[in-house]
Amino acid sequence: MKSDEQYMRQCIGQAQAASARGEVPVGALVVNPVNGEVLARAGNAPIGICDPTAHAEILALRDAAYKTDNYRLSGLILYVTLEPCTMCAGAISNARIGRVVYGAPDAKGGAVAHGVRFFESAACHSKPEITGGVLADECGQILKDFFKARRGK
């Protein structure tokens, strides 16, 4: 199986593709840790598909569930370039993802290490293993560059 950094680099590619489409550059993968197979990959797409829930994590979870013919993704790993928000954390819990690996922290909108800390909440019924900060500088720079360009600075 590839390393966390190798999978995160694939997520960065998805984030760059999202940025090229004018979407906030966040990318995600769902990986089977048994054989290292990437089951699903996605970049943010709420603008393009007119869906406020079309975060990279949600799209990757949906695709993985479809491909495995199971809404429970027990034991699988979700890689994502940005700390998941509350909505995505809830979906991760409902999907029974076994491990979440994220890149950049999100002090404003994150819900794993920041904000509501969803996986520490009593409302969370399935708590994945969490690894944060994988290629955090690279993941964060993509977001900084995107928003800097949007502001015209």
N, C-alpha and C. Protein backbone atom coordinates (compact mmCIF):
# COMPACT_ATOMS: atom_id res chain seq x y z
N MET A 1 0.85 -1.19 0.00
CA MET A 1 0.00 0.00 0.00
C MET A 1 0.88 1.24 0.00
N LYS A 2 0.42 2.27 -0.68
CA LYS A 2 1.13 3.54 -0.74
C LYS A 2 1.09 4.21 0.63
N SER A 3 1.95 5.21 0.80
CA SER A 3 1.99 5.96 2.05
C SER A 3 0.88 7.02 2.07
N ASP A 4 0.60 7.54 3.26
CA ASP A 4 -0.39 8.61 3.39
C ASP A 4 -0.03 9.79 2.48
N GLU A 5 1.25 10.11 2.39
CA GLU A 5 1.68 11.23 1.55
C GLU A 5 1.37 10.97 0.08
N GLN A 6 1.56 9.74 -0.38
CA GLN A 6 1.28 9.42 -1.79
C GLN A 6 -0.22 9.56 -2.09
N TYR A 7 -1.06 9.09 -1.19
CA TYR A 7 -2.50 9.25 -1.40
C TYR A 7 -2.89 10.72 -1.31
N MET A 8 -2.27 11.47 -0.39
CA MET A 8 -2.60 12.89 -0.26
C MET A 8 -2.19 13.64 -1.52
N ARG A 9 -1.13 13.25 -2.16
CA ARG A 9 -0.73 13.89 -3.43
C ARG A 9 -1.82 13.68 -4.49
N GLN A 10 -2.45 12.51 -4.47
CA GLN A 10 -3.57 12.28 -5.40
C GLN A 10 -4.74 13.20 -5.05
N CYS A 11 -4.97 13.40 -3.76
CA CYS A 11 -6.02 14.34 -3.33
C CYS A 11 -5.70 15.76 -3.81
N ILE A 12 -4.44 16.13 -3.72
CA ILE A 12 -4.02 17.46 -4.18
C ILE A 12 -4.34 17.61 -5.67
N GLY A 13 -4.14 16.56 -6.44
CA GLY A 13 -4.50 16.59 -7.86
C GLY A 13 -5.98 16.84 -8.05
N GLN A 14 -6.81 16.22 -7.22
CA GLN A 14 -8.26 16.45 -7.29
C GLN A 14 -8.59 17.89 -6.89
N ALA A 15 -7.88 18.42 -5.91
CA ALA A 15 -8.10 19.81 -5.48
C ALA A 15 -7.72 20.78 -6.60
N GLN A 16 -6.62 20.50 -7.27
CA GLN A 16 -6.19 21.36 -8.38
C GLN A 16 -7.21 21.34 -9.52
N ALA A 17 -7.76 20.17 -9.79
CA ALA A 17 -8.80 20.06 -10.82
C ALA A 17 -10.04 20.85 -10.42
N ALA A 18 -10.41 20.80 -9.15
CA ALA A 18 -11.56 21.58 -8.66
C ALA A 18 -11.28 23.07 -8.83
N SER A 19 -10.09 23.49 -8.49
CA SER A 19 -9.71 24.90 -8.64
C SER A 19 -9.82 25.35 -10.09
N ALA A 20 -9.38 24.51 -11.01
CA ALA A 20 -9.45 24.83 -12.44
C ALA A 20 -10.89 25.00 -12.91
N ARG A 21 -11.83 24.37 -12.20
CA ARG A 21 -13.26 24.50 -12.52
C ARG A 21 -13.91 25.68 -11.78
N GLY A 22 -13.11 26.41 -10.99
CA GLY A 22 -13.63 27.53 -10.22
C GLY A 22 -14.21 27.15 -8.88
N GLU A 23 -13.99 25.91 -8.47
CA GLU A 23 -14.49 25.42 -7.18
C GLU A 23 -13.40 25.62 -6.11
N VAL A 24 -13.81 25.72 -4.86
CA VAL A 24 -12.83 25.76 -3.77
C VAL A 24 -12.00 24.49 -3.86
N PRO A 25 -10.67 24.62 -3.88
CA PRO A 25 -9.81 23.46 -4.13
C PRO A 25 -9.65 22.50 -2.96
N VAL A 26 -10.56 21.57 -2.89
CA VAL A 26 -10.49 20.48 -1.92
C VAL A 26 -10.65 19.18 -2.69
N GLY A 27 -9.80 18.21 -2.38
CA GLY A 27 -9.86 16.91 -3.03
C GLY A 27 -9.93 15.80 -2.02
N ALA A 28 -10.52 14.67 -2.42
CA ALA A 28 -10.69 13.54 -1.50
C ALA A 28 -10.57 12.21 -2.25
N LEU A 29 -10.16 11.18 -1.51
CA LEU A 29 -10.09 9.81 -2.00
C LEU A 29 -10.67 8.89 -0.95
N VAL A 30 -11.25 7.77 -1.37
CA VAL A 30 -11.60 6.68 -0.46
C VAL A 30 -10.75 5.49 -0.89
N VAL A 31 -10.02 4.93 0.08
CA VAL A 31 -9.06 3.87 -0.19
C VAL A 31 -9.36 2.63 0.66
N ASN A 32 -9.21 1.48 0.03
CA ASN A 32 -9.32 0.21 0.75
C ASN A 32 -7.93 -0.11 1.31
N PRO A 33 -7.79 -0.13 2.65
CA PRO A 33 -6.47 -0.35 3.23
C PRO A 33 -5.95 -1.78 3.07
N VAL A 34 -6.81 -2.71 2.72
CA VAL A 34 -6.39 -4.10 2.56
C VAL A 34 -5.51 -4.26 1.33
N ASN A 35 -5.94 -3.64 0.21
CA ASN A 35 -5.17 -3.80 -1.03
C ASN A 35 -4.66 -2.49 -1.61
N GLY A 36 -4.96 -1.36 -0.96
CA GLY A 36 -4.49 -0.07 -1.42
C GLY A 36 -5.26 0.51 -2.59
N GLU A 37 -6.36 -0.14 -2.99
CA GLU A 37 -7.13 0.33 -4.13
C GLU A 37 -7.86 1.63 -3.81
N VAL A 38 -7.76 2.58 -4.74
CA VAL A 38 -8.53 3.81 -4.63
C VAL A 38 -9.92 3.51 -5.19
N LEU A 39 -10.91 3.52 -4.33
CA LEU A 39 -12.29 3.21 -4.73
C LEU A 39 -13.01 4.41 -5.31
N ALA A 40 -12.65 5.60 -4.85
CA ALA A 40 -13.32 6.80 -5.31
C ALA A 40 -12.41 8.00 -5.13
N ARG A 41 -12.61 8.96 -6.01
CA ARG A 41 -11.86 10.22 -5.92
C ARG A 41 -12.79 11.33 -6.35
N ALA A 42 -12.62 12.51 -5.75
CA ALA A 42 -13.49 13.63 -6.09
C ALA A 42 -12.86 14.94 -5.67
N GLY A 43 -13.31 16.00 -6.31
CA GLY A 43 -12.98 17.36 -5.91
C GLY A 43 -14.28 18.09 -5.63
N ASN A 44 -14.18 19.19 -4.91
CA ASN A 44 -15.37 19.98 -4.61
C ASN A 44 -16.13 20.31 -5.89
N ALA A 45 -17.46 20.32 -5.81
CA ALA A 45 -18.27 20.62 -6.99
C ALA A 45 -19.61 21.27 -6.69
N PRO A 46 -19.79 21.99 -5.57
CA PRO A 46 -21.11 22.57 -5.30
C PRO A 46 -21.57 23.58 -6.35
N ILE A 47 -20.63 24.34 -6.91
CA ILE A 47 -21.01 25.33 -7.92
C ILE A 47 -21.41 24.63 -9.21
N GLY A 48 -20.56 23.74 -9.66
CA GLY A 48 -20.76 23.08 -10.94
C GLY A 48 -22.01 22.23 -11.04
N ILE A 49 -22.38 21.59 -9.93
CA ILE A 49 -23.58 20.74 -9.99
C ILE A 49 -24.75 21.31 -9.18
N CYS A 50 -24.58 22.57 -8.76
CA CYS A 50 -25.64 23.29 -8.02
C CYS A 50 -26.15 22.47 -6.83
N ASP A 51 -25.21 22.02 -6.01
CA ASP A 51 -25.55 21.17 -4.87
C ASP A 51 -24.69 21.60 -3.67
N PRO A 52 -25.30 22.21 -2.65
CA PRO A 52 -24.52 22.67 -1.51
C PRO A 52 -23.84 21.54 -0.73
N THR A 53 -24.27 20.32 -0.94
CA THR A 53 -23.64 19.19 -0.24
C THR A 53 -22.51 18.56 -1.05
N ALA A 54 -22.17 19.09 -2.19
CA ALA A 54 -21.19 18.47 -3.08
C ALA A 54 -19.75 18.78 -2.69
N HIS A 55 -19.45 18.59 -1.42
CA HIS A 55 -18.07 18.69 -0.95
C HIS A 55 -17.32 17.45 -1.44
N ALA A 56 -16.01 17.58 -1.58
CA ALA A 56 -15.20 16.48 -2.10
C ALA A 56 -15.43 15.19 -1.29
N GLU A 57 -15.50 15.32 0.03
CA GLU A 57 -15.69 14.13 0.87
C GLU A 57 -17.01 13.44 0.57
N ILE A 58 -18.08 14.22 0.47
CA ILE A 58 -19.41 13.66 0.22
C ILE A 58 -19.44 12.95 -1.13
N LEU A 59 -18.89 13.59 -2.14
CA LEU A 59 -18.88 12.98 -3.48
C LEU A 59 -18.07 11.69 -3.50
N ALA A 60 -16.93 11.69 -2.80
CA ALA A 60 -16.10 10.48 -2.76
C ALA A 60 -16.82 9.36 -1.98
N LEU A 61 -17.47 9.71 -0.88
CA LEU A 61 -18.22 8.70 -0.11
C LEU A 61 -19.36 8.12 -0.94
N ARG A 62 -20.08 8.97 -1.64
CA ARG A 62 -21.19 8.51 -2.48
C ARG A 62 -20.69 7.53 -3.55
N ASP A 63 -19.60 7.90 -4.21
CA ASP A 63 -19.06 7.05 -5.27
C ASP A 63 -18.56 5.72 -4.71
N ALA A 64 -17.88 5.77 -3.57
CA ALA A 64 -17.39 4.52 -2.96
C ALA A 64 -18.55 3.63 -2.55
N ALA A 65 -19.61 4.20 -2.00
CA ALA A 65 -20.78 3.42 -1.61
C ALA A 65 -21.43 2.77 -2.84
N TYR A 66 -21.52 3.53 -3.91
CA TYR A 66 -22.09 3.00 -5.14
C TYR A 66 -21.23 1.83 -5.66
N LYS A 67 -19.92 2.05 -5.69
CA LYS A 67 -19.02 1.03 -6.24
C LYS A 67 -18.97 -0.24 -5.38
N THR A 68 -19.14 -0.10 -4.08
CA THR A 68 -19.11 -1.27 -3.20
C THR A 68 -20.50 -1.84 -2.97
N ASP A 69 -21.51 -1.14 -3.49
CA ASP A 69 -22.91 -1.54 -3.32
C ASP A 69 -23.26 -1.67 -1.84
N ASN A 70 -22.75 -0.70 -1.06
CA ASN A 70 -22.98 -0.72 0.37
C ASN A 70 -22.85 0.69 0.91
N TYR A 71 -23.84 1.15 1.67
CA TYR A 71 -23.75 2.49 2.25
C TYR A 71 -22.81 2.52 3.45
N ARG A 72 -22.45 1.37 3.96
CA ARG A 72 -21.48 1.29 5.05
C ARG A 72 -20.10 1.05 4.45
N LEU A 73 -19.19 1.93 4.76
CA LEU A 73 -17.83 1.86 4.22
C LEU A 73 -16.85 1.51 5.34
N SER A 74 -17.25 0.54 6.14
CA SER A 74 -16.49 0.14 7.33
C SER A 74 -15.05 -0.21 6.99
N GLY A 75 -14.15 0.39 7.75
CA GLY A 75 -12.74 0.07 7.63
C GLY A 75 -12.00 0.78 6.52
N LEU A 76 -12.72 1.49 5.65
CA LEU A 76 -12.06 2.20 4.56
C LEU A 76 -11.43 3.49 5.07
N ILE A 77 -10.52 4.05 4.28
CA ILE A 77 -9.83 5.28 4.65
C ILE A 77 -10.29 6.41 3.74
N LEU A 78 -10.60 7.55 4.34
CA LEU A 78 -10.91 8.76 3.59
C LEU A 78 -9.72 9.70 3.71
N TYR A 79 -9.17 10.07 2.58
CA TYR A 79 -8.12 11.09 2.52
C TYR A 79 -8.75 12.36 2.00
N VAL A 80 -8.41 13.51 2.58
CA VAL A 80 -8.97 14.78 2.13
C VAL A 80 -7.96 15.90 2.42
N THR A 81 -7.88 16.86 1.52
CA THR A 81 -6.87 17.91 1.64
C THR A 81 -7.16 18.92 2.74
N LEU A 82 -8.40 19.01 3.19
CA LEU A 82 -8.77 19.99 4.22
C LEU A 82 -9.57 19.31 5.32
N GLU A 83 -9.33 19.72 6.54
CA GLU A 83 -10.08 19.19 7.69
C GLU A 83 -11.58 19.24 7.40
N PRO A 84 -12.28 18.12 7.53
CA PRO A 84 -13.71 18.07 7.21
C PRO A 84 -14.56 19.01 8.06
N CYS A 85 -15.62 19.52 7.44
CA CYS A 85 -16.60 20.36 8.13
C CYS A 85 -17.58 19.46 8.90
N THR A 86 -18.51 20.07 9.60
CA THR A 86 -19.49 19.32 10.38
C THR A 86 -20.34 18.40 9.51
N MET A 87 -20.81 18.90 8.36
CA MET A 87 -21.62 18.08 7.46
C MET A 87 -20.85 16.84 7.03
N CYS A 88 -19.62 17.04 6.62
CA CYS A 88 -18.81 15.92 6.13
C CYS A 88 -18.46 14.96 7.27
N ALA A 89 -18.19 15.50 8.45
CA ALA A 89 -17.90 14.64 9.60
C ALA A 89 -19.09 13.74 9.91
N GLY A 90 -20.30 14.30 9.83
CA GLY A 90 -21.49 13.49 10.05
C GLY A 90 -21.62 12.38 9.03
N ALA A 91 -21.35 12.70 7.78
CA ALA A 91 -21.41 11.68 6.72
C ALA A 91 -20.34 10.61 6.91
N ILE A 92 -19.17 11.02 7.32
CA ILE A 92 -18.07 10.08 7.59
C ILE A 92 -18.48 9.11 8.69
N SER A 93 -19.08 9.64 9.74
CA SER A 93 -19.54 8.80 10.84
C SER A 93 -20.63 7.84 10.38
N ASN A 94 -21.61 8.35 9.64
CA ASN A 94 -22.70 7.50 9.16
C ASN A 94 -22.20 6.41 8.22
N ALA A 95 -21.16 6.71 7.45
CA ALA A 95 -20.61 5.73 6.52
C ALA A 95 -19.73 4.70 7.23
N ARG A 96 -19.39 4.95 8.47
CA ARG A 96 -18.53 4.06 9.26
C ARG A 96 -17.10 3.97 8.72
N ILE A 97 -16.61 5.09 8.16
CA ILE A 97 -15.23 5.14 7.70
C ILE A 97 -14.31 4.80 8.88
N GLY A 98 -13.30 3.99 8.62
CA GLY A 98 -12.40 3.55 9.69
C GLY A 98 -11.31 4.53 10.05
N ARG A 99 -10.89 5.33 9.07
CA ARG A 99 -9.79 6.26 9.31
C ARG A 99 -9.96 7.46 8.40
N VAL A 100 -9.67 8.65 8.92
CA VAL A 100 -9.67 9.88 8.15
C VAL A 100 -8.28 10.47 8.21
N VAL A 101 -7.74 10.79 7.05
CA VAL A 101 -6.43 11.44 6.94
C VAL A 101 -6.67 12.76 6.23
N TYR A 102 -6.35 13.87 6.89
CA TYR A 102 -6.55 15.16 6.24
C TYR A 102 -5.25 15.95 6.21
N GLY A 103 -5.22 16.91 5.30
CA GLY A 103 -4.04 17.74 5.11
C GLY A 103 -4.07 18.98 5.97
N ALA A 104 -4.59 20.07 5.41
CA ALA A 104 -4.58 21.35 6.10
C ALA A 104 -5.65 21.42 7.18
N PRO A 105 -5.33 22.02 8.33
CA PRO A 105 -6.34 22.27 9.34
C PRO A 105 -7.25 23.40 8.87
N ASP A 106 -8.47 23.46 9.41
CA ASP A 106 -9.42 24.52 9.07
C ASP A 106 -9.97 25.09 10.37
N ALA A 107 -9.29 26.13 10.87
CA ALA A 107 -9.66 26.71 12.16
C ALA A 107 -11.06 27.31 12.15
N LYS A 108 -11.53 27.76 10.98
CA LYS A 108 -12.85 28.39 10.90
C LYS A 108 -13.97 27.38 10.66
N GLY A 109 -13.80 26.48 9.70
CA GLY A 109 -14.89 25.59 9.32
C GLY A 109 -14.68 24.13 9.65
N GLY A 110 -13.51 23.79 10.16
CA GLY A 110 -13.23 22.39 10.48
C GLY A 110 -14.03 21.91 11.67
N ALA A 111 -14.29 20.60 11.68
CA ALA A 111 -15.09 20.03 12.77
C ALA A 111 -14.44 18.79 13.36
N VAL A 112 -13.15 18.60 13.07
CA VAL A 112 -12.43 17.44 13.60
C VAL A 112 -11.53 17.88 14.76
N ALA A 113 -10.56 18.73 14.47
CA ALA A 113 -9.66 19.25 15.50
C ALA A 113 -10.07 20.64 15.94
N HIS A 114 -10.99 21.26 15.22
CA HIS A 114 -11.46 22.61 15.51
C HIS A 114 -12.98 22.60 15.65
N GLY A 115 -13.53 23.75 15.99
CA GLY A 115 -14.98 23.90 16.04
C GLY A 115 -15.65 22.89 16.96
N VAL A 116 -16.65 22.20 16.43
CA VAL A 116 -17.45 21.30 17.26
C VAL A 116 -16.74 20.00 17.62
N ARG A 117 -15.63 19.71 16.98
CA ARG A 117 -14.90 18.45 17.23
C ARG A 117 -15.89 17.27 17.22
N PHE A 118 -16.53 17.12 16.11
CA PHE A 118 -17.64 16.19 15.97
C PHE A 118 -17.35 14.78 16.46
N PHE A 119 -16.18 14.25 16.17
CA PHE A 119 -15.89 12.87 16.53
C PHE A 119 -15.69 12.67 18.03
N GLU A 120 -15.58 13.76 18.77
CA GLU A 120 -15.50 13.69 20.24
C GLU A 120 -16.87 13.88 20.87
N SER A 121 -17.86 14.17 20.06
CA SER A 121 -19.21 14.46 20.54
C SER A 121 -19.97 13.18 20.89
N ALA A 122 -20.85 13.29 21.86
CA ALA A 122 -21.72 12.16 22.22
C ALA A 122 -22.67 11.81 21.08
N ALA A 123 -22.93 12.78 20.20
CA ALA A 123 -23.83 12.55 19.06
C ALA A 123 -23.18 11.68 17.97
N CYS A 124 -21.88 11.53 18.06
CA CYS A 124 -21.16 10.74 17.05
C CYS A 124 -21.18 9.27 17.46
N HIS A 125 -21.75 8.43 16.60
CA HIS A 125 -21.87 7.01 16.95
C HIS A 125 -20.76 6.14 16.36
N SER A 126 -20.01 6.63 15.40
CA SER A 126 -18.91 5.86 14.81
C SER A 126 -17.72 6.80 14.67
N LYS A 127 -16.67 6.52 15.41
CA LYS A 127 -15.52 7.42 15.49
C LYS A 127 -14.32 6.83 14.78
N PRO A 128 -13.92 7.45 13.65
CA PRO A 128 -12.76 6.93 12.93
C PRO A 128 -11.46 7.33 13.61
N GLU A 129 -10.41 6.62 13.27
CA GLU A 129 -9.06 7.04 13.64
C GLU A 129 -8.77 8.30 12.83
N ILE A 130 -8.10 9.28 13.42
CA ILE A 130 -7.83 10.54 12.74
C ILE A 130 -6.33 10.78 12.65
N THR A 131 -5.87 11.15 11.46
CA THR A 131 -4.50 11.60 11.25
C THR A 131 -4.59 12.93 10.52
N GLY A 132 -4.14 13.98 11.14
CA GLY A 132 -4.20 15.30 10.52
C GLY A 132 -2.82 15.83 10.19
N GLY A 133 -2.77 16.80 9.30
CA GLY A 133 -1.53 17.48 8.99
C GLY A 133 -0.66 16.84 7.93
N VAL A 134 -1.18 15.87 7.18
CA VAL A 134 -0.39 15.22 6.14
C VAL A 134 -0.27 16.17 4.94
N LEU A 135 0.94 16.58 4.63
CA LEU A 135 1.21 17.56 3.57
C LEU A 135 0.39 18.84 3.79
N ALA A 136 0.26 19.22 5.04
CA ALA A 136 -0.58 20.36 5.41
C ALA A 136 -0.17 21.64 4.71
N ASP A 137 1.12 21.91 4.59
CA ASP A 137 1.56 23.15 3.95
C ASP A 137 1.16 23.18 2.49
N GLU A 138 1.35 22.09 1.78
CA GLU A 138 0.98 22.04 0.36
C GLU A 138 -0.53 22.16 0.19
N CYS A 139 -1.28 21.45 1.01
CA CYS A 139 -2.74 21.50 0.93
C CYS A 139 -3.25 22.90 1.24
N GLY A 140 -2.68 23.52 2.24
CA GLY A 140 -3.08 24.87 2.63
C GLY A 140 -2.71 25.91 1.58
N GLN A 141 -1.55 25.72 0.93
CA GLN A 141 -1.10 26.70 -0.06
C GLN A 141 -2.03 26.75 -1.26
N ILE A 142 -2.56 25.60 -1.66
CA ILE A 142 -3.51 25.57 -2.78
C ILE A 142 -4.72 26.46 -2.46
N LEU A 143 -5.21 26.35 -1.24
CA LEU A 143 -6.35 27.18 -0.82
C LEU A 143 -5.97 28.66 -0.76
N LYS A 144 -4.81 28.97 -0.19
CA LYS A 144 -4.36 30.36 -0.11
C LYS A 144 -4.23 30.97 -1.50
N ASP A 145 -3.61 30.24 -2.42
CA ASP A 145 -3.43 30.73 -3.78
C ASP A 145 -4.77 30.96 -4.47
N PHE A 146 -5.71 30.04 -4.27
CA PHE A 146 -7.04 30.15 -4.87
C PHE A 146 -7.74 31.42 -4.40
N PHE A 147 -7.77 31.63 -3.09
CA PHE A 147 -8.50 32.79 -2.56
C PHE A 147 -7.76 34.11 -2.84
N LYS A 148 -6.45 34.06 -2.88
CA LYS A 148 -5.68 35.24 -3.24
C LYS A 148 -6.01 35.66 -4.68
N ALA A 149 -6.07 34.70 -5.59
CA ALA A 149 -6.43 34.99 -6.99
C ALA A 149 -7.86 35.51 -7.10
N ARG A 150 -8.76 34.99 -6.29
CA ARG A 150 -10.16 35.43 -6.32
C ARG A 150 -10.29 36.89 -5.86
N ARG A 151 -9.42 37.26 -4.90
CA ARG A 151 -9.44 38.64 -4.39
C ARG A 151 -8.68 39.58 -5.31
N GLY A 152 -7.93 39.01 -6.29
CA GLY A 152 -7.18 39.84 -7.23
C GLY A 152 -5.92 40.43 -6.66
N LYS A 153 -5.36 39.74 -5.66
CA LYS A 153 -4.13 40.27 -5.04
C LYS A 153 -2.97 39.35 -5.34
